[in-house]
N, C-alpha and C. Protein backbone atom coordinates (compact mmCIF):
# COMPACT_ATOMS: atom_id res chain seq x y z
N MET A 1 111.22 263.44 151.75
CA MET A 1 111.45 263.03 153.12
C MET A 1 112.95 262.85 153.34
N MET A 2 113.45 263.48 154.32
CA MET A 2 114.86 263.40 154.61
C MET A 2 115.14 262.17 155.46
N THR A 3 116.19 261.44 155.12
CA THR A 3 116.53 260.25 155.89
C THR A 3 117.96 260.37 156.38
N ASP A 4 118.24 259.62 157.43
CA ASP A 4 119.61 259.52 157.91
C ASP A 4 119.92 258.05 158.09
N LYS A 5 121.16 257.74 158.40
CA LYS A 5 121.57 256.35 158.51
C LYS A 5 120.75 255.60 159.56
N ALA A 6 120.44 256.23 160.68
CA ALA A 6 119.67 255.56 161.72
C ALA A 6 118.29 255.16 161.23
N SER A 7 117.64 256.02 160.44
CA SER A 7 116.29 255.70 159.98
C SER A 7 116.31 254.64 158.89
N ASP A 8 117.46 254.42 158.24
CA ASP A 8 117.58 253.40 157.21
C ASP A 8 118.03 252.05 157.77
N MET A 9 118.41 251.99 159.04
CA MET A 9 118.88 250.76 159.65
C MET A 9 117.72 249.77 159.79
N ILE A 10 117.95 248.54 159.34
CA ILE A 10 116.94 247.49 159.52
C ILE A 10 117.10 246.94 160.93
N ARG A 11 115.97 246.85 161.63
CA ARG A 11 116.01 246.32 163.00
C ARG A 11 114.80 245.43 163.22
N ARG A 12 114.89 244.58 164.25
CA ARG A 12 113.74 243.76 164.62
C ARG A 12 112.64 244.67 165.15
N ALA A 13 111.43 244.38 164.76
CA ALA A 13 110.28 245.16 165.22
C ALA A 13 109.97 244.86 166.68
N THR A 14 109.38 245.83 167.33
CA THR A 14 108.82 245.64 168.66
C THR A 14 107.31 245.68 168.53
N LEU A 15 106.61 245.28 169.56
CA LEU A 15 105.15 245.36 169.52
C LEU A 15 104.68 246.80 169.30
N GLN A 16 105.47 247.77 169.74
CA GLN A 16 105.10 249.17 169.55
C GLN A 16 105.12 249.57 168.07
N ASP A 17 105.86 248.83 167.25
CA ASP A 17 105.94 249.12 165.82
C ASP A 17 104.75 248.58 165.03
N VAL A 18 104.00 247.66 165.61
CA VAL A 18 102.95 246.97 164.87
C VAL A 18 101.91 247.91 164.26
N PRO A 19 101.38 248.90 164.99
CA PRO A 19 100.41 249.80 164.35
C PRO A 19 100.98 250.51 163.12
N ALA A 20 102.25 250.90 163.16
CA ALA A 20 102.86 251.56 162.00
C ALA A 20 102.98 250.58 160.83
N CYS A 21 103.31 249.31 161.11
CA CYS A 21 103.37 248.30 160.05
C CYS A 21 102.00 248.15 159.40
N ALA A 22 100.96 248.08 160.21
CA ALA A 22 99.60 247.96 159.70
C ALA A 22 99.23 249.17 158.84
N GLN A 23 99.66 250.34 159.26
CA GLN A 23 99.36 251.57 158.50
C GLN A 23 100.06 251.55 157.15
N VAL A 24 101.29 251.03 157.09
CA VAL A 24 102.02 250.94 155.82
C VAL A 24 101.25 250.05 154.85
N ILE A 25 100.75 248.90 155.32
CA ILE A 25 99.96 248.01 154.46
C ILE A 25 98.69 248.71 153.99
N HIS A 26 97.99 249.30 154.92
CA HIS A 26 96.72 249.96 154.62
C HIS A 26 96.91 251.06 153.58
N ASP A 27 97.93 251.89 153.77
CA ASP A 27 98.18 252.99 152.83
C ASP A 27 98.52 252.45 151.44
N TRP A 28 99.35 251.39 151.38
CA TRP A 28 99.69 250.80 150.09
C TRP A 28 98.42 250.33 149.39
N ALA A 29 97.57 249.62 150.12
CA ALA A 29 96.34 249.09 149.51
C ALA A 29 95.44 250.22 149.00
N CYS A 30 95.34 251.27 149.79
CA CYS A 30 94.48 252.40 149.38
C CYS A 30 95.03 253.11 148.14
N GLN A 31 96.33 253.08 147.95
CA GLN A 31 96.97 253.76 146.82
C GLN A 31 97.12 252.86 145.59
N THR A 32 96.71 251.60 145.70
CA THR A 32 96.89 250.63 144.62
C THR A 32 95.55 250.39 143.95
N ASP A 33 95.43 250.85 142.68
CA ASP A 33 94.12 250.86 142.02
C ASP A 33 93.52 249.48 141.83
N TRP A 34 94.33 248.43 141.66
CA TRP A 34 93.78 247.10 141.43
C TRP A 34 93.48 246.34 142.73
N MET A 35 93.85 246.92 143.88
CA MET A 35 93.63 246.25 145.16
C MET A 35 92.25 246.62 145.70
N PRO A 36 91.42 245.60 146.01
CA PRO A 36 90.12 245.92 146.60
C PRO A 36 90.30 246.62 147.94
N GLU A 37 89.22 247.16 148.46
CA GLU A 37 89.29 247.87 149.73
C GLU A 37 89.97 247.01 150.78
N GLU A 38 90.94 247.59 151.43
CA GLU A 38 91.76 246.88 152.43
C GLU A 38 91.02 246.80 153.76
N LEU A 39 91.51 245.89 154.58
CA LEU A 39 90.99 245.76 155.93
C LEU A 39 91.29 247.04 156.71
N PRO A 40 90.48 247.34 157.72
CA PRO A 40 90.77 248.51 158.56
C PRO A 40 92.11 248.33 159.28
N VAL A 41 92.77 249.45 159.56
CA VAL A 41 94.08 249.42 160.22
C VAL A 41 94.01 248.61 161.52
N GLU A 42 92.92 248.75 162.24
CA GLU A 42 92.80 248.04 163.53
C GLU A 42 92.81 246.52 163.32
N GLN A 43 92.17 246.05 162.27
CA GLN A 43 92.15 244.61 162.00
C GLN A 43 93.52 244.13 161.52
N LEU A 44 94.18 244.92 160.69
CA LEU A 44 95.54 244.59 160.26
C LEU A 44 96.48 244.54 161.47
N THR A 45 96.35 245.51 162.36
CA THR A 45 97.17 245.55 163.57
C THR A 45 96.96 244.28 164.38
N ALA A 46 95.70 243.88 164.57
CA ALA A 46 95.40 242.67 165.35
C ALA A 46 96.00 241.43 164.69
N MET A 47 95.95 241.36 163.37
CA MET A 47 96.52 240.20 162.65
C MET A 47 98.03 240.13 162.84
N ILE A 48 98.70 241.27 162.74
CA ILE A 48 100.16 241.29 162.92
C ILE A 48 100.52 240.96 164.37
N GLU A 49 99.76 241.52 165.32
CA GLU A 49 100.02 241.21 166.74
C GLU A 49 99.86 239.72 167.01
N GLU A 50 98.84 239.11 166.41
CA GLU A 50 98.60 237.68 166.62
C GLU A 50 99.77 236.83 166.11
N ALA A 51 100.37 237.25 165.01
CA ALA A 51 101.48 236.49 164.42
C ALA A 51 102.84 236.89 164.99
N PHE A 52 102.90 237.94 165.76
CA PHE A 52 104.17 238.57 166.16
C PHE A 52 105.18 237.59 166.77
N ASP A 53 104.72 236.76 167.69
CA ASP A 53 105.65 235.85 168.38
C ASP A 53 106.13 234.71 167.50
N HIS A 54 105.51 234.51 166.35
CA HIS A 54 105.85 233.40 165.47
C HIS A 54 106.54 233.85 164.18
N ARG A 55 106.86 235.12 164.09
CA ARG A 55 107.46 235.68 162.88
C ARG A 55 108.74 236.44 163.21
N GLU A 56 109.58 236.56 162.20
CA GLU A 56 110.68 237.52 162.25
C GLU A 56 110.13 238.76 161.56
N ILE A 57 109.95 239.82 162.30
CA ILE A 57 109.42 241.06 161.73
C ILE A 57 110.51 242.11 161.80
N TRP A 58 110.83 242.66 160.64
CA TRP A 58 111.90 243.64 160.49
C TRP A 58 111.30 244.95 160.02
N VAL A 59 111.86 246.06 160.48
CA VAL A 59 111.37 247.38 160.10
C VAL A 59 112.53 248.32 159.84
N THR A 60 112.23 249.40 159.17
CA THR A 60 113.15 250.51 159.02
C THR A 60 112.33 251.79 158.93
N GLY A 61 113.00 252.88 159.14
CA GLY A 61 112.34 254.18 159.10
C GLY A 61 112.06 254.70 160.49
N ASN A 62 112.05 256.02 160.60
CA ASN A 62 111.73 256.68 161.86
C ASN A 62 110.88 257.90 161.53
N PRO A 63 109.55 257.76 161.53
CA PRO A 63 108.77 256.60 161.95
C PRO A 63 108.86 255.44 160.94
N VAL A 64 108.45 254.24 161.39
CA VAL A 64 108.50 253.05 160.55
C VAL A 64 107.74 253.31 159.25
N ASP A 65 108.44 253.07 158.13
CA ASP A 65 107.78 253.23 156.83
C ASP A 65 108.03 252.05 155.90
N CYS A 66 108.75 251.05 156.38
CA CYS A 66 108.99 249.83 155.61
C CYS A 66 109.03 248.67 156.58
N TYR A 67 108.43 247.55 156.18
CA TYR A 67 108.51 246.38 157.05
C TYR A 67 108.41 245.08 156.27
N MET A 68 108.97 244.02 156.89
CA MET A 68 108.95 242.68 156.30
C MET A 68 108.66 241.70 157.41
N SER A 69 107.83 240.70 157.09
CA SER A 69 107.51 239.62 158.01
C SER A 69 107.94 238.31 157.37
N VAL A 70 108.69 237.49 158.12
CA VAL A 70 109.14 236.19 157.64
C VAL A 70 108.65 235.13 158.62
N ASP A 71 108.02 234.09 158.08
CA ASP A 71 107.63 232.94 158.89
C ASP A 71 108.78 231.94 158.84
N PRO A 72 109.55 231.80 159.94
CA PRO A 72 110.73 230.94 159.90
C PRO A 72 110.39 229.45 159.75
N ASN A 73 109.22 229.04 160.22
CA ASN A 73 108.84 227.63 160.07
C ASN A 73 108.46 227.29 158.64
N GLU A 74 107.75 228.19 158.00
CA GLU A 74 107.31 227.98 156.61
C GLU A 74 108.39 228.39 155.61
N GLN A 75 109.43 229.12 156.07
CA GLN A 75 110.45 229.69 155.18
C GLN A 75 109.80 230.61 154.16
N LYS A 76 108.85 231.43 154.64
CA LYS A 76 108.05 232.28 153.76
C LYS A 76 108.17 233.74 154.14
N ILE A 77 108.40 234.57 153.13
CA ILE A 77 108.26 236.01 153.31
C ILE A 77 106.77 236.28 153.20
N GLY A 78 106.15 236.62 154.31
CA GLY A 78 104.71 236.81 154.34
C GLY A 78 104.28 238.22 153.98
N ALA A 79 105.19 239.17 154.16
CA ALA A 79 104.86 240.56 153.85
C ALA A 79 106.14 241.33 153.63
N LEU A 80 106.11 242.20 152.65
CA LEU A 80 107.19 243.16 152.41
C LEU A 80 106.54 244.40 151.80
N TYR A 81 106.47 245.44 152.61
CA TYR A 81 105.83 246.69 152.19
C TYR A 81 106.77 247.84 152.52
N CYS A 82 106.91 248.75 151.57
CA CYS A 82 107.83 249.86 151.78
C CYS A 82 107.26 251.12 151.13
N ARG A 83 107.17 252.17 151.91
CA ARG A 83 106.72 253.46 151.35
C ARG A 83 107.81 254.09 150.49
N ARG A 84 109.06 253.85 150.83
CA ARG A 84 110.18 254.41 150.07
C ARG A 84 110.66 253.36 149.07
N THR A 85 110.46 253.62 147.80
CA THR A 85 110.89 252.67 146.78
C THR A 85 112.08 253.23 146.03
N GLY A 86 112.82 252.33 145.37
CA GLY A 86 113.95 252.74 144.56
C GLY A 86 115.18 253.16 145.35
N GLN A 87 115.21 252.85 146.65
CA GLN A 87 116.36 253.21 147.49
C GLN A 87 117.14 251.99 147.97
N GLY A 88 116.77 250.79 147.48
CA GLY A 88 117.50 249.58 147.87
C GLY A 88 117.03 248.97 149.18
N ILE A 89 116.00 249.51 149.78
CA ILE A 89 115.54 248.99 151.07
C ILE A 89 114.93 247.61 150.90
N GLY A 90 114.11 247.42 149.87
CA GLY A 90 113.51 246.10 149.63
C GLY A 90 114.57 245.04 149.43
N LYS A 91 115.62 245.35 148.68
CA LYS A 91 116.72 244.41 148.47
C LYS A 91 117.39 244.07 149.79
N ARG A 92 117.61 245.08 150.62
CA ARG A 92 118.23 244.83 151.92
C ARG A 92 117.35 243.94 152.79
N PHE A 93 116.04 244.15 152.72
CA PHE A 93 115.12 243.28 153.47
C PHE A 93 115.21 241.84 152.96
N VAL A 94 115.18 241.65 151.65
CA VAL A 94 115.25 240.29 151.08
C VAL A 94 116.58 239.65 151.44
N ASP A 95 117.66 240.41 151.37
CA ASP A 95 118.96 239.87 151.78
C ASP A 95 118.92 239.42 153.23
N LYS A 96 118.27 240.18 154.09
CA LYS A 96 118.12 239.83 155.51
C LYS A 96 117.35 238.51 155.64
N ALA A 97 116.27 238.37 154.86
CA ALA A 97 115.47 237.14 154.91
C ALA A 97 116.26 235.93 154.44
N LYS A 98 117.16 236.12 153.48
CA LYS A 98 117.95 235.01 152.93
C LYS A 98 119.04 234.54 153.89
N GLU A 99 119.45 235.39 154.83
CA GLU A 99 120.55 235.04 155.74
C GLU A 99 120.29 233.72 156.44
N GLY A 100 121.23 232.79 156.28
CA GLY A 100 121.14 231.50 156.96
C GLY A 100 120.12 230.54 156.36
N ARG A 101 119.57 230.87 155.22
CA ARG A 101 118.56 230.02 154.59
C ARG A 101 119.03 229.60 153.19
N ALA A 102 118.55 228.44 152.76
CA ALA A 102 118.82 227.97 151.40
C ALA A 102 117.57 228.01 150.54
N PHE A 103 116.42 228.36 151.15
CA PHE A 103 115.15 228.35 150.43
C PHE A 103 114.22 229.37 151.08
N LEU A 104 113.49 230.09 150.26
CA LEU A 104 112.42 230.99 150.69
C LEU A 104 111.33 230.96 149.64
N TRP A 105 110.13 231.25 150.06
CA TRP A 105 109.05 231.42 149.11
C TRP A 105 108.17 232.57 149.57
N LEU A 106 107.35 233.04 148.65
CA LEU A 106 106.44 234.14 148.93
C LEU A 106 105.34 234.11 147.90
N THR A 107 104.34 234.94 148.13
CA THR A 107 103.32 235.14 147.10
C THR A 107 103.26 236.62 146.80
N THR A 108 102.94 236.93 145.57
CA THR A 108 102.75 238.31 145.15
C THR A 108 101.51 238.36 144.26
N HIS A 109 100.72 239.40 144.43
CA HIS A 109 99.48 239.53 143.67
C HIS A 109 99.77 239.51 142.17
N THR A 110 98.95 238.80 141.42
CA THR A 110 99.21 238.68 139.98
C THR A 110 99.26 240.03 139.25
N PRO A 111 98.48 241.06 139.63
CA PRO A 111 98.62 242.34 138.93
C PRO A 111 99.88 243.13 139.31
N ASN A 112 100.59 242.71 140.35
CA ASN A 112 101.72 243.48 140.87
C ASN A 112 103.00 243.15 140.11
N THR A 113 103.05 243.59 138.86
CA THR A 113 104.19 243.26 137.99
C THR A 113 105.49 243.89 138.47
N ALA A 114 105.42 245.04 139.13
CA ALA A 114 106.65 245.66 139.65
C ALA A 114 107.26 244.78 140.73
N ALA A 115 106.44 244.24 141.61
CA ALA A 115 106.96 243.34 142.66
C ALA A 115 107.53 242.08 142.03
N GLN A 116 106.86 241.55 141.03
CA GLN A 116 107.36 240.33 140.38
C GLN A 116 108.73 240.58 139.75
N ARG A 117 108.89 241.73 139.08
CA ARG A 117 110.20 242.06 138.49
C ARG A 117 111.26 242.17 139.58
N PHE A 118 110.92 242.83 140.69
CA PHE A 118 111.85 242.97 141.81
C PHE A 118 112.27 241.60 142.33
N TYR A 119 111.31 240.74 142.63
CA TYR A 119 111.65 239.43 143.18
C TYR A 119 112.44 238.59 142.18
N GLN A 120 112.14 238.71 140.89
CA GLN A 120 112.93 237.98 139.89
C GLN A 120 114.38 238.47 139.89
N ARG A 121 114.59 239.78 140.04
CA ARG A 121 115.96 240.30 140.14
C ARG A 121 116.67 239.73 141.36
N GLU A 122 115.90 239.41 142.40
CA GLU A 122 116.48 238.87 143.63
C GLU A 122 116.57 237.34 143.62
N GLY A 123 116.31 236.73 142.45
CA GLY A 123 116.51 235.30 142.28
C GLY A 123 115.29 234.42 142.50
N PHE A 124 114.12 235.02 142.69
CA PHE A 124 112.89 234.25 142.86
C PHE A 124 112.31 233.93 141.48
N GLU A 125 111.69 232.75 141.38
CA GLU A 125 111.03 232.35 140.15
C GLU A 125 109.59 231.99 140.44
N VAL A 126 108.70 232.33 139.51
CA VAL A 126 107.29 231.96 139.65
C VAL A 126 107.19 230.44 139.50
N THR A 127 106.53 229.80 140.47
CA THR A 127 106.35 228.35 140.42
C THR A 127 104.90 227.95 140.22
N SER A 128 103.96 228.84 140.54
CA SER A 128 102.54 228.52 140.32
C SER A 128 101.69 229.78 140.49
N GLU A 129 100.47 229.70 139.98
CA GLU A 129 99.46 230.72 140.26
C GLU A 129 98.48 230.08 141.23
N GLU A 130 98.11 230.82 142.27
CA GLU A 130 97.26 230.27 143.32
C GLU A 130 96.07 231.19 143.58
N PRO A 131 94.97 230.62 144.05
CA PRO A 131 93.83 231.46 144.41
C PRO A 131 94.17 232.28 145.65
N PRO A 132 93.46 233.36 145.86
CA PRO A 132 93.73 234.18 147.05
C PRO A 132 93.35 233.43 148.33
N VAL A 133 94.09 233.73 149.39
CA VAL A 133 93.80 233.19 150.71
C VAL A 133 93.10 234.30 151.49
N PRO A 134 91.87 234.05 151.93
CA PRO A 134 91.15 235.10 152.66
C PRO A 134 91.97 235.63 153.83
N PRO A 135 91.95 236.93 154.07
CA PRO A 135 90.98 237.89 153.56
C PRO A 135 91.32 238.44 152.17
N ASP A 136 92.43 238.04 151.55
CA ASP A 136 92.75 238.51 150.21
C ASP A 136 91.71 238.03 149.21
N THR A 137 91.53 238.81 148.15
CA THR A 137 90.59 238.44 147.09
C THR A 137 91.25 238.45 145.71
N VAL A 138 92.54 238.80 145.65
CA VAL A 138 93.26 238.89 144.38
C VAL A 138 94.16 237.65 144.25
N PRO A 139 94.12 236.96 143.11
CA PRO A 139 94.99 235.79 142.91
C PRO A 139 96.46 236.18 143.05
N VAL A 140 97.28 235.18 143.36
CA VAL A 140 98.71 235.42 143.59
C VAL A 140 99.56 234.43 142.80
N TYR A 141 100.81 234.83 142.59
CA TYR A 141 101.83 233.91 142.10
C TYR A 141 102.66 233.47 143.30
N ARG A 142 102.96 232.19 143.35
CA ARG A 142 103.94 231.69 144.31
C ARG A 142 105.30 231.82 143.64
N MET A 143 106.25 232.39 144.37
CA MET A 143 107.60 232.56 143.85
C MET A 143 108.56 231.92 144.85
N GLU A 144 109.60 231.24 144.33
CA GLU A 144 110.55 230.56 145.19
C GLU A 144 111.98 230.98 144.86
N TRP A 145 112.79 230.97 145.92
CA TRP A 145 114.22 231.24 145.80
C TRP A 145 114.96 230.06 146.40
N HIS A 146 115.98 229.60 145.69
CA HIS A 146 116.86 228.54 146.17
C HIS A 146 118.28 229.06 146.11
N ALA A 147 119.02 228.87 147.18
CA ALA A 147 120.42 229.35 147.22
C ALA A 147 121.27 228.63 146.19
C-alpha cells in the first residue's frame, strides 16, 4: 500500500470516520487466531458512536486504517488498532496520548505479547491481570505509564 505524508498525518476523527474505525477493529479480531469471534461491524460502530463525544479519537490513513481512542476522564487508552505495523504509527499515537498528561493506563489482552512488548518500549508497565470486561471474553493485563 502506497502512503503519502497526508495519509500518515494523525488527526481528530469525525463521526464519518467511525465506521472505518469499527472495520479496523473487526478485521484485526478476525485475523487474530486467539481472539474469539468479534462483534459485528454495525455493533462496533454503534459502540464507538456512543462514546464519541466523551473520547479523544485519533485516526490516520486515507482511507482510515489506524485509530486510537483515549478517555480523558479515566486517563485511559481504550483502543489502539493499526493495520500498518512497523512504521512508527503506534508510537506516534501513544506520544499523542501522552501529550499534556503525567499518567495513562490501558489494558491489553494477555495473549497479545506483541502489544505488551510495544507498550513496555513506550514506558508502560504491567500492574495487574484482570478479567475481561464484556463484551470481551479474553483476560487482560492492566498497564500503566507515569511521566
